[in-house]
N, C-alpha and C. Protein backbone atom coordinates (compact mmCIF):
# COMPACT_ATOMS: atom_id res chain seq x y z
N MET A 1 14.74 -7.13 69.05
CA MET A 1 15.73 -6.50 67.97
C MET A 1 16.02 -5.31 68.12
N SER A 2 17.25 -4.90 68.52
CA SER A 2 17.65 -3.32 68.69
C SER A 2 17.92 -2.58 67.45
N ASP A 3 17.91 -1.44 67.45
CA ASP A 3 18.22 -0.62 66.31
C ASP A 3 19.64 -0.84 65.76
N ARG A 4 20.63 -1.39 66.75
CA ARG A 4 21.88 -1.60 66.12
C ARG A 4 21.82 -2.99 65.40
N ASP A 5 20.82 -3.89 65.63
CA ASP A 5 20.68 -5.23 64.96
C ASP A 5 20.11 -4.77 63.64
N LEU A 6 19.10 -3.97 63.69
CA LEU A 6 18.57 -3.35 62.63
C LEU A 6 19.53 -2.92 61.47
N GLU A 7 20.33 -1.85 61.89
CA GLU A 7 21.30 -1.52 61.18
C GLU A 7 22.45 -2.59 60.47
N SER A 8 22.63 -3.58 61.38
CA SER A 8 23.81 -4.37 60.92
C SER A 8 22.73 -5.27 59.89
N LEU A 9 21.65 -5.67 60.12
CA LEU A 9 20.96 -6.24 59.07
C LEU A 9 20.70 -5.64 57.75
N GLU A 10 20.55 -4.26 57.91
CA GLU A 10 20.50 -3.28 56.57
C GLU A 10 21.63 -3.45 56.02
N GLY A 11 22.83 -3.28 56.59
CA GLY A 11 24.23 -3.59 56.09
C GLY A 11 24.40 -4.80 55.28
N TRP A 12 23.88 -5.81 55.58
CA TRP A 12 23.89 -6.93 55.06
C TRP A 12 23.01 -7.41 53.78
N LEU A 13 22.00 -6.60 53.94
CA LEU A 13 20.74 -6.82 53.04
C LEU A 13 20.77 -5.96 52.00
N ALA A 14 21.48 -4.62 52.42
CA ALA A 14 21.41 -3.75 51.22
C ALA A 14 21.82 -3.99 49.88
N PRO A 15 23.11 -4.75 49.71
CA PRO A 15 23.62 -5.16 48.47
C PRO A 15 22.76 -6.11 47.75
N LEU A 16 21.96 -6.98 48.36
CA LEU A 16 21.03 -8.02 47.85
C LEU A 16 19.66 -7.38 47.51
N ILE A 17 19.28 -6.10 48.13
CA ILE A 17 18.13 -5.44 47.74
C ILE A 17 18.39 -4.69 46.47
N GLU A 18 19.63 -3.94 46.38
CA GLU A 18 20.05 -3.40 45.24
C GLU A 18 19.97 -4.01 43.72
N LYS A 19 20.36 -5.27 43.93
CA LYS A 19 20.21 -6.30 42.72
C LYS A 19 18.79 -6.48 42.37
N LEU A 20 18.05 -6.25 43.24
CA LEU A 20 16.32 -6.29 42.62
C LEU A 20 15.96 -5.19 41.68
N SER A 21 14.99 -5.35 40.75
CA SER A 21 14.73 -4.57 40.00
C SER A 21 13.79 -3.57 40.65
N PRO A 22 13.55 -2.14 40.23
CA PRO A 22 12.89 -1.21 40.90
C PRO A 22 11.43 -1.65 40.85
N GLY A 23 10.68 -2.35 40.06
CA GLY A 23 9.52 -2.95 40.33
C GLY A 23 9.50 -3.87 41.35
N GLU A 24 10.26 -4.88 41.44
CA GLU A 24 10.49 -5.73 42.72
C GLU A 24 10.68 -5.11 43.99
N ARG A 25 11.35 -4.09 44.10
CA ARG A 25 11.71 -3.26 45.22
C ARG A 25 10.36 -2.41 45.56
N ARG A 26 9.63 -2.01 44.63
CA ARG A 26 8.36 -1.07 44.98
C ARG A 26 7.44 -2.34 45.53
N GLN A 27 7.27 -3.56 44.73
CA GLN A 27 6.43 -4.30 45.51
C GLN A 27 6.75 -4.96 46.91
N LEU A 28 7.87 -5.14 47.02
CA LEU A 28 8.33 -5.40 48.65
C LEU A 28 7.96 -4.27 49.51
N ALA A 29 8.30 -2.86 48.85
CA ALA A 29 7.87 -1.63 49.94
C ALA A 29 6.84 -1.72 50.13
N ARG A 30 5.72 -1.88 49.06
CA ARG A 30 4.36 -1.87 49.55
C ARG A 30 3.79 -2.94 50.33
N GLN A 31 4.32 -4.00 50.41
CA GLN A 31 3.96 -5.40 51.20
C GLN A 31 4.43 -4.76 52.64
N ILE A 32 5.45 -4.21 52.81
CA ILE A 32 5.89 -3.81 54.01
C ILE A 32 5.28 -2.54 54.64
N ALA A 33 4.99 -1.82 54.00
CA ALA A 33 4.27 -0.54 54.03
C ALA A 33 2.69 -1.01 54.50
N ARG A 34 2.13 -1.91 53.79
CA ARG A 34 0.75 -2.29 54.23
C ARG A 34 0.70 -3.18 55.72
N GLU A 35 1.84 -4.10 55.82
CA GLU A 35 1.59 -4.58 57.03
C GLU A 35 1.99 -3.84 58.20
N THR A 36 2.92 -2.61 58.06
CA THR A 36 3.22 -1.93 58.94
C THR A 36 2.04 -0.98 59.32
N ARG A 37 1.39 -0.28 58.34
CA ARG A 37 0.04 0.37 58.71
C ARG A 37 -0.81 -0.42 59.43
N ILE A 38 -1.21 -1.72 58.99
CA ILE A 38 -2.05 -2.74 59.81
C ILE A 38 -1.60 -2.78 61.43
N SER A 39 -0.34 -2.96 61.62
CA SER A 39 0.26 -3.17 62.96
C SER A 39 0.10 -1.83 63.76
N GLN A 40 0.33 -0.63 63.16
CA GLN A 40 0.17 0.55 63.81
C GLN A 40 -1.21 0.86 64.21
N ARG A 41 -2.03 0.55 63.22
CA ARG A 41 -3.71 0.62 63.38
C ARG A 41 -3.93 -0.36 64.64
N GLU A 42 -3.48 -1.59 64.77
CA GLU A 42 -3.88 -2.20 65.73
C GLU A 42 -3.42 -1.83 67.10
N ARG A 43 -1.90 -1.30 67.03
CA ARG A 43 -1.51 -1.02 68.29
C ARG A 43 -2.15 0.44 68.81
N ILE A 44 -2.64 1.48 67.87
CA ILE A 44 -3.46 2.50 68.35
C ILE A 44 -4.66 1.87 68.77
N LYS A 45 -5.39 1.21 68.30
CA LYS A 45 -6.59 0.66 68.74
C LYS A 45 -6.42 -0.11 70.23
N ALA A 46 -5.40 -0.78 70.42
CA ALA A 46 -5.06 -1.17 71.84
C ALA A 46 -4.65 -0.28 72.56
N GLN A 47 -4.25 1.04 72.14
CA GLN A 47 -3.94 2.21 73.18
C GLN A 47 -2.53 1.96 73.84
N GLN A 48 -1.60 1.51 73.01
CA GLN A 48 -0.22 1.20 73.49
C GLN A 48 0.56 1.84 72.72
N ASN A 49 1.68 2.28 73.51
CA ASN A 49 3.08 2.72 72.66
C ASN A 49 4.02 1.72 72.21
N PRO A 50 4.80 1.89 71.48
CA PRO A 50 5.51 0.82 70.98
C PRO A 50 6.30 0.20 71.84
N ASP A 51 6.76 0.52 72.98
CA ASP A 51 7.37 -0.09 74.22
C ASP A 51 6.47 -1.18 74.88
N GLY A 52 5.06 -0.96 74.56
CA GLY A 52 4.08 -1.98 75.30
C GLY A 52 3.50 -1.33 76.45
N SER A 53 3.84 -0.11 76.64
CA SER A 53 3.27 0.62 77.98
C SER A 53 1.83 1.14 77.20
N ARG A 54 1.02 1.31 78.21
CA ARG A 54 -0.53 2.01 77.81
C ARG A 54 -0.44 3.48 77.73
N TYR A 55 -1.07 4.02 76.72
CA TYR A 55 -1.35 5.62 76.58
C TYR A 55 -1.84 6.20 77.88
N GLU A 56 -1.28 7.18 78.13
CA GLU A 56 -1.58 8.02 79.67
C GLU A 56 -3.15 8.48 79.18
N PRO A 57 -4.07 8.08 80.07
CA PRO A 57 -5.47 8.39 79.94
C PRO A 57 -5.55 9.98 79.67
N ARG A 58 -6.95 10.16 79.14
CA ARG A 58 -7.18 11.67 79.20
C ARG A 58 -7.12 12.35 80.49
N SER A 59 -6.91 13.49 80.81
CA SER A 59 -7.17 14.23 82.08
C SER A 59 -8.49 14.73 82.22
N ALA A 60 -9.27 14.58 83.29
CA ALA A 60 -10.60 14.96 83.25
C ALA A 60 -10.57 16.48 83.50
N LEU A 61 -11.49 17.24 82.82
CA LEU A 61 -11.52 18.67 82.84
C LEU A 61 -12.39 19.24 83.93
N ARG A 62 -12.10 19.99 84.88
CA ARG A 62 -12.72 20.31 85.97
C ARG A 62 -13.83 21.08 85.77
N GLY A 63 -15.14 21.17 86.43
CA GLY A 63 -16.11 22.07 86.20
C GLY A 63 -17.00 21.93 85.05
N GLN A 64 -16.74 20.98 83.96
CA GLN A 64 -17.75 20.62 83.00
C GLN A 64 -18.65 19.63 83.56
N ALA A 65 -19.78 19.74 83.06
CA ALA A 65 -20.77 18.65 83.18
C ALA A 65 -20.53 17.55 82.55
N GLY A 66 -20.39 16.47 83.06
CA GLY A 66 -19.86 15.24 82.41
C GLY A 66 -18.59 14.82 82.13
N GLY A 67 -17.75 15.86 82.09
CA GLY A 67 -16.22 15.64 82.15
C GLY A 67 -15.95 15.65 80.76
N ILE A 68 -15.10 14.56 80.45
CA ILE A 68 -14.74 14.02 79.19
C ILE A 68 -15.20 12.83 78.73
N ARG A 69 -15.23 12.50 77.55
CA ARG A 69 -15.88 11.08 76.87
C ARG A 69 -14.80 10.12 77.38
N ARG A 70 -15.35 8.99 77.85
CA ARG A 70 -14.47 7.97 78.03
C ARG A 70 -14.63 6.69 77.07
N GLN A 71 -13.99 6.91 75.96
CA GLN A 71 -13.81 6.02 74.87
C GLN A 71 -12.58 6.18 74.28
N ALA A 72 -12.24 5.22 73.37
CA ALA A 72 -11.01 5.01 72.92
C ALA A 72 -10.60 6.19 72.24
N MET A 73 -9.28 6.68 72.39
CA MET A 73 -8.76 7.87 71.71
C MET A 73 -8.25 7.46 70.32
N PHE A 74 -8.28 8.35 69.48
CA PHE A 74 -7.72 8.32 67.92
C PHE A 74 -8.55 7.40 67.15
N THR A 75 -9.83 7.03 67.25
CA THR A 75 -10.46 6.28 66.74
C THR A 75 -10.67 6.61 65.13
N LYS A 76 -10.87 8.08 64.89
CA LYS A 76 -10.69 8.31 63.36
C LYS A 76 -9.45 8.37 62.76
N LEU A 77 -8.32 8.60 63.68
CA LEU A 77 -6.90 8.66 63.30
C LEU A 77 -6.45 7.35 62.61
N ARG A 78 -6.92 6.43 63.16
CA ARG A 78 -6.34 5.15 62.73
C ARG A 78 -7.02 4.55 61.44
N THR A 79 -7.71 5.29 60.92
CA THR A 79 -8.69 4.79 59.61
C THR A 79 -7.54 5.07 58.56
N ALA A 80 -7.87 4.42 57.41
CA ALA A 80 -7.21 4.47 56.24
C ALA A 80 -7.40 5.80 55.58
N ARG A 81 -8.44 6.52 55.85
CA ARG A 81 -8.50 7.88 55.36
C ARG A 81 -7.41 8.93 55.97
N PHE A 82 -6.87 8.59 57.13
CA PHE A 82 -6.01 9.49 57.58
C PHE A 82 -4.70 8.83 57.77
N LEU A 83 -4.36 7.56 58.16
CA LEU A 83 -3.33 6.85 58.29
C LEU A 83 -2.88 6.27 56.84
N LYS A 84 -1.92 6.82 56.11
CA LYS A 84 -1.59 6.66 54.63
C LYS A 84 -0.45 5.87 54.56
N MET A 85 -0.32 5.24 53.57
CA MET A 85 1.15 4.61 53.12
C MET A 85 1.52 4.81 51.84
N LYS A 86 2.89 5.11 51.68
CA LYS A 86 3.29 5.20 50.22
C LYS A 86 4.56 4.60 49.98
N ALA A 87 4.58 3.66 48.93
CA ALA A 87 5.46 2.93 48.72
C ALA A 87 6.37 3.22 47.40
N GLY A 88 7.63 3.34 47.24
CA GLY A 88 8.42 3.46 46.00
C GLY A 88 9.76 2.53 45.91
N PRO A 89 10.25 2.61 44.85
CA PRO A 89 11.41 1.61 44.71
C PRO A 89 12.37 1.66 45.95
N ASN A 90 12.58 2.80 46.66
CA ASN A 90 13.58 2.99 47.43
C ASN A 90 13.26 3.52 48.96
N ALA A 91 11.89 3.34 49.02
CA ALA A 91 11.26 3.68 50.42
C ALA A 91 9.73 3.17 50.89
N ALA A 92 9.32 2.88 52.04
CA ALA A 92 8.01 2.83 52.32
C ALA A 92 7.96 3.55 53.59
N VAL A 93 6.91 4.40 53.42
CA VAL A 93 6.36 5.39 54.30
C VAL A 93 4.76 4.98 54.84
N VAL A 94 4.75 5.31 56.01
CA VAL A 94 3.59 5.27 56.79
C VAL A 94 3.38 6.52 57.57
N ASN A 95 2.13 7.28 57.32
CA ASN A 95 2.34 8.75 58.08
C ASN A 95 0.77 9.12 58.20
N PHE A 96 0.62 10.09 58.82
CA PHE A 96 -0.76 11.02 58.79
C PHE A 96 -0.69 12.14 57.86
N ILE A 97 -1.85 12.24 57.47
CA ILE A 97 -1.92 13.41 56.24
C ILE A 97 -2.94 14.35 56.88
N GLY A 98 -2.81 15.44 56.14
CA GLY A 98 -3.86 16.61 56.38
C GLY A 98 -3.81 17.24 57.77
N ARG A 99 -4.92 17.66 58.17
CA ARG A 99 -4.94 18.51 59.57
C ARG A 99 -4.52 17.57 60.54
N VAL A 100 -4.92 16.23 60.32
CA VAL A 100 -4.52 15.37 61.74
C VAL A 100 -3.29 15.13 62.04
N ALA A 101 -2.56 15.31 60.91
CA ALA A 101 -0.85 15.08 61.05
C ALA A 101 -0.55 16.19 62.31
N ARG A 102 -1.01 17.19 62.31
CA ARG A 102 -0.76 18.08 63.42
C ARG A 102 -1.07 17.61 64.98
N ILE A 103 -2.45 16.93 64.81
CA ILE A 103 -2.68 16.48 66.29
C ILE A 103 -1.91 15.19 66.52
N ALA A 104 -1.47 14.44 65.34
CA ALA A 104 -0.86 13.28 65.85
C ALA A 104 0.58 13.87 66.12
N ARG A 105 1.16 14.61 65.68
CA ARG A 105 2.40 15.34 66.13
C ARG A 105 2.53 15.72 67.60
N VAL A 106 1.34 16.52 67.93
CA VAL A 106 1.30 16.82 69.30
C VAL A 106 1.24 15.91 70.32
N HIS A 107 0.37 14.64 70.06
CA HIS A 107 0.46 13.59 70.90
C HIS A 107 1.66 12.50 70.98
N GLN A 108 2.21 12.78 69.57
CA GLN A 108 3.40 11.88 69.38
C GLN A 108 4.76 12.35 70.23
N LEU A 109 4.72 13.80 70.26
CA LEU A 109 5.99 14.21 70.98
C LEU A 109 5.64 14.93 72.24
N GLY A 110 4.16 15.09 72.79
CA GLY A 110 3.85 15.29 73.94
C GLY A 110 4.09 16.88 74.24
N LEU A 111 3.46 17.63 73.21
CA LEU A 111 3.44 19.17 73.17
C LEU A 111 2.53 19.79 73.78
N ARG A 112 2.57 21.09 73.70
CA ARG A 112 1.38 22.19 74.40
C ARG A 112 0.78 22.52 73.13
N ASP A 113 -0.48 22.34 73.06
CA ASP A 113 -1.36 22.88 72.05
C ASP A 113 -2.74 23.24 72.66
N ARG A 114 -3.67 24.08 71.72
CA ARG A 114 -4.80 24.60 72.04
C ARG A 114 -5.86 23.40 72.13
N VAL A 115 -6.75 23.44 72.89
CA VAL A 115 -7.97 22.23 72.91
C VAL A 115 -8.71 22.52 71.94
N ALA A 116 -9.03 23.80 71.71
CA ALA A 116 -10.17 24.01 70.54
C ALA A 116 -9.46 25.40 69.85
N PRO A 117 -9.86 25.84 68.62
CA PRO A 117 -9.28 27.19 68.22
C PRO A 117 -9.59 28.32 69.14
N GLY A 118 -8.83 29.04 69.68
CA GLY A 118 -9.13 30.02 70.17
C GLY A 118 -9.41 29.84 71.74
N GLY A 119 -9.39 28.55 72.23
CA GLY A 119 -9.52 27.98 73.49
C GLY A 119 -8.39 27.98 74.42
N PRO A 120 -8.49 27.43 75.53
CA PRO A 120 -7.42 27.33 76.53
C PRO A 120 -6.23 26.19 75.74
N THR A 121 -4.94 26.48 76.33
CA THR A 121 -3.90 25.37 75.94
C THR A 121 -3.69 24.39 76.97
N HIS A 122 -3.14 23.28 76.41
CA HIS A 122 -2.90 21.90 77.46
C HIS A 122 -1.72 21.29 76.94
N ASN A 123 -0.97 20.91 78.01
CA ASN A 123 0.26 19.97 77.96
C ASN A 123 -0.27 18.55 77.61
N TYR A 124 -0.27 18.36 76.42
CA TYR A 124 -0.63 16.64 76.23
C TYR A 124 0.57 16.13 76.53
N PRO A 125 0.37 14.73 77.20
CA PRO A 125 1.12 13.65 77.45
C PRO A 125 1.73 12.98 76.25
N ARG A 126 3.01 12.50 76.16
CA ARG A 126 3.47 11.64 75.08
C ARG A 126 2.70 10.45 75.00
N ARG A 127 1.86 10.28 73.57
CA ARG A 127 1.35 9.04 73.16
C ARG A 127 1.92 8.83 72.04
N GLU A 128 2.94 7.92 71.86
CA GLU A 128 3.53 7.55 70.47
C GLU A 128 2.74 6.70 69.52
N LEU A 129 2.05 7.56 68.54
CA LEU A 129 0.90 6.74 67.56
C LEU A 129 1.85 5.95 66.61
N LEU A 130 3.02 6.37 66.24
CA LEU A 130 3.71 5.71 65.25
C LEU A 130 5.16 5.32 65.71
N GLY A 131 5.50 4.13 65.61
CA GLY A 131 6.87 3.52 66.05
C GLY A 131 6.88 2.31 66.12
N PHE A 132 8.33 1.65 65.78
CA PHE A 132 8.32 0.23 65.66
C PHE A 132 8.44 -0.55 66.63
N THR A 133 7.63 -1.70 66.98
CA THR A 133 7.70 -2.56 68.20
C THR A 133 8.86 -3.51 67.81
N ARG A 134 9.29 -4.46 68.63
CA ARG A 134 10.09 -5.49 68.31
C ARG A 134 9.64 -6.55 67.27
N ALA A 135 8.21 -6.80 67.49
CA ALA A 135 7.75 -7.42 66.45
C ALA A 135 7.66 -6.92 64.99
N ASP A 136 7.58 -5.62 64.96
CA ASP A 136 7.26 -5.00 63.64
C ASP A 136 8.83 -5.15 63.10
N ARG A 137 9.96 -4.86 63.92
CA ARG A 137 11.21 -5.00 63.24
C ARG A 137 11.47 -6.61 62.79
N GLU A 138 10.99 -7.52 63.55
CA GLU A 138 11.04 -9.06 63.27
C GLU A 138 10.36 -9.09 61.84
N ARG A 139 9.18 -8.76 61.74
CA ARG A 139 8.21 -9.02 60.80
C ARG A 139 8.91 -8.35 59.54
N ILE A 140 9.49 -7.35 59.55
CA ILE A 140 10.23 -6.51 58.44
C ILE A 140 11.25 -7.26 57.94
N ARG A 141 12.18 -7.77 58.88
CA ARG A 141 13.30 -8.73 58.58
C ARG A 141 12.88 -9.82 57.97
N ASP A 142 11.84 -10.64 58.45
CA ASP A 142 11.36 -11.75 58.03
C ASP A 142 10.75 -11.47 56.49
N ARG A 143 10.03 -10.41 56.26
CA ARG A 143 9.68 -10.06 55.03
C ARG A 143 10.50 -9.96 53.93
N LEU A 144 11.65 -9.25 54.25
CA LEU A 144 12.89 -9.06 53.45
C LEU A 144 13.32 -10.41 52.98
N ILE A 145 13.83 -11.25 54.10
CA ILE A 145 14.50 -12.46 53.84
C ILE A 145 13.56 -13.30 53.08
N ASP A 146 12.21 -13.48 53.30
CA ASP A 146 11.38 -14.36 52.57
C ASP A 146 11.16 -13.78 50.90
N HIS A 147 11.13 -12.60 50.76
CA HIS A 147 11.21 -12.02 49.52
C HIS A 147 12.49 -12.40 48.59
N LEU A 148 13.69 -12.29 49.41
CA LEU A 148 14.76 -12.66 48.82
C LEU A 148 15.21 -14.00 48.30
N THR A 149 14.48 -14.78 49.10
CA THR A 149 14.81 -16.45 48.92
C THR A 149 13.78 -16.96 47.86
């Protein structure tokens, strides 16, 4: 399902959703946010971008004994403590909070940042932590249709 398909679906469903009470819309948004957070967490755990490609692995730092740790990236970021959901009658949001939001932004956009405070800078490769897969879009569509019927 492309963005164009999602927009056309939104145009078709918007009048139906507007007829729901704010409580029903909030409940629907909470369900969608919960399912989206779970899918984002599982995708981060699998180390995959929304398009299905793998995250670019960490680059080895030369000259350091032991190099870098070879474990999964973002293990703490994907916990409910940092990956929060918020739902209201008009929106459902899944985002990172606190200081880790900056770390997530650097990786999401592939920016340049300091490795440690006062340390050297590094160009981080783009690793999309948050994003919609085709399955996410279809699940949201199905959840909306199920709720309306």
